[in-house]
Amino acid sequence: MLLFICLAVLIMYVANIVGTLRKERQLTQVELAEAVGVSRQTVIAIEKGNYTPSVTLALKIAAFFQTPVESIFTLHDAT
C-alpha cells in the first residue's frame, strides 16, 4: 500500500503561472526575485517548472501578486 502511495506522488507535478503574472505586470525576473528574496536563477527555475518552491516562498509570491496561492500553483497528474 505504501509503495502505491509513493508511486502516485511521483507522477504528480506542480504547474504554475508565475511567468505569466510577471510578464503581465511588466516585471523582470530580477525584479521579482528581489521582491520575494530569491535569486534570478530561482525565478527562472520556478517559471520553467524545474523547481517547486517551498510553501513559504509560494506564499511570498502569492502575496506579491496579490493572488491566492492556489491560483498560481496547481497540482497536476503527469499521466
Protein backbone atom coordinates (compact mmCIF):
# COMPACT_ATOMS: atom_id res chain seq x y z
CA MET A 1 0.00 0.00 0.00
CA LEU A 2 2.80 2.42 0.90
CA LEU A 3 4.53 1.71 -2.41
CA PHE A 4 1.33 2.58 -4.30
CA ILE A 5 1.04 5.89 -2.44
CA CYS A 6 4.69 6.73 -3.18
CA LEU A 7 4.23 5.95 -6.87
CA ALA A 8 1.11 8.11 -7.00
CA VAL A 9 3.07 11.04 -5.59
CA LEU A 10 5.85 10.54 -8.13
CA ILE A 11 3.52 11.04 -11.09
CA MET A 12 2.20 14.40 -9.86
CA TYR A 13 3.76 17.76 -10.65
CA VAL A 14 3.17 21.36 -9.71
CA ALA A 15 2.34 23.74 -12.54
CA ASN A 16 2.47 27.49 -12.12
CA ILE A 17 1.68 30.78 -13.85
CA VAL A 18 4.49 32.83 -12.26
CA GLY A 19 5.97 33.77 -15.64
CA THR A 20 2.60 34.86 -16.98
CA LEU A 21 1.86 37.01 -13.94
CA ARG A 22 5.33 38.53 -14.04
CA LYS A 23 5.06 39.41 -17.73
CA GLU A 24 1.54 40.84 -17.33
CA ARG A 25 2.96 43.24 -14.76
CA GLN A 26 5.97 44.00 -16.97
CA LEU A 27 8.46 42.87 -14.35
CA THR A 28 11.88 41.39 -14.97
CA GLN A 29 12.93 38.16 -13.35
CA VAL A 30 15.42 40.18 -11.30
CA GLU A 31 12.70 42.49 -10.00
CA LEU A 32 10.52 39.57 -8.95
CA ALA A 33 13.48 37.78 -7.38
CA GLU A 34 14.41 40.84 -5.32
CA ALA A 35 10.81 41.36 -4.24
CA VAL A 36 10.47 37.83 -2.84
CA GLY A 37 14.05 37.40 -1.63
CA VAL A 38 15.47 34.80 -4.01
CA SER A 39 17.93 34.72 -6.90
CA ARG A 40 17.02 35.30 -10.54
CA GLN A 41 18.04 31.69 -11.16
CA THR A 42 15.38 30.54 -8.69
CA VAL A 43 12.71 32.55 -10.51
CA ILE A 44 13.84 31.06 -13.81
CA ALA A 45 13.66 27.52 -12.38
CA ILE A 46 10.17 28.13 -10.94
CA GLU A 47 8.88 29.57 -14.22
CA LYS A 48 10.28 26.60 -16.19
CA GLY A 49 8.74 24.14 -13.74
CA ASN A 50 12.16 22.79 -12.77
CA TYR A 51 11.79 23.85 -9.13
CA THR A 52 8.81 23.70 -6.82
CA PRO A 53 9.09 26.47 -4.25
CA SER A 54 8.68 25.92 -0.54
CA VAL A 55 5.34 26.79 0.99
CA THR A 56 6.91 29.95 2.43
CA LEU A 57 8.21 31.08 -0.95
CA ALA A 58 4.95 30.19 -2.70
CA LEU A 59 3.09 32.33 -0.15
CA LYS A 60 5.52 35.23 -0.68
CA ILE A 61 4.97 35.05 -4.44
CA ALA A 62 1.20 34.93 -3.97
CA ALA A 63 1.29 37.90 -1.62
CA PHE A 64 3.47 39.85 -4.05
CA PHE A 65 0.99 39.28 -6.88
CA GLN A 66 -1.98 39.67 -4.51
CA THR A 67 -3.35 36.42 -5.87
CA PRO A 68 -4.39 33.27 -4.00
CA VAL A 69 -1.56 30.75 -3.90
CA GLU A 70 -3.82 28.03 -5.31
CA SER A 71 -4.46 30.21 -8.38
CA ILE A 72 -0.71 30.40 -9.06
CA PHE A 73 0.43 26.89 -8.16
CA THR A 74 -1.68 23.86 -9.07
CA LEU A 75 -1.08 20.14 -8.68
CA HIS A 76 -1.44 18.10 -11.87
CA ASP A 77 -1.32 14.42 -12.73
CA ALA A 78 1.62 13.69 -15.02
CA THR A 79 -0.03 10.67 -16.62
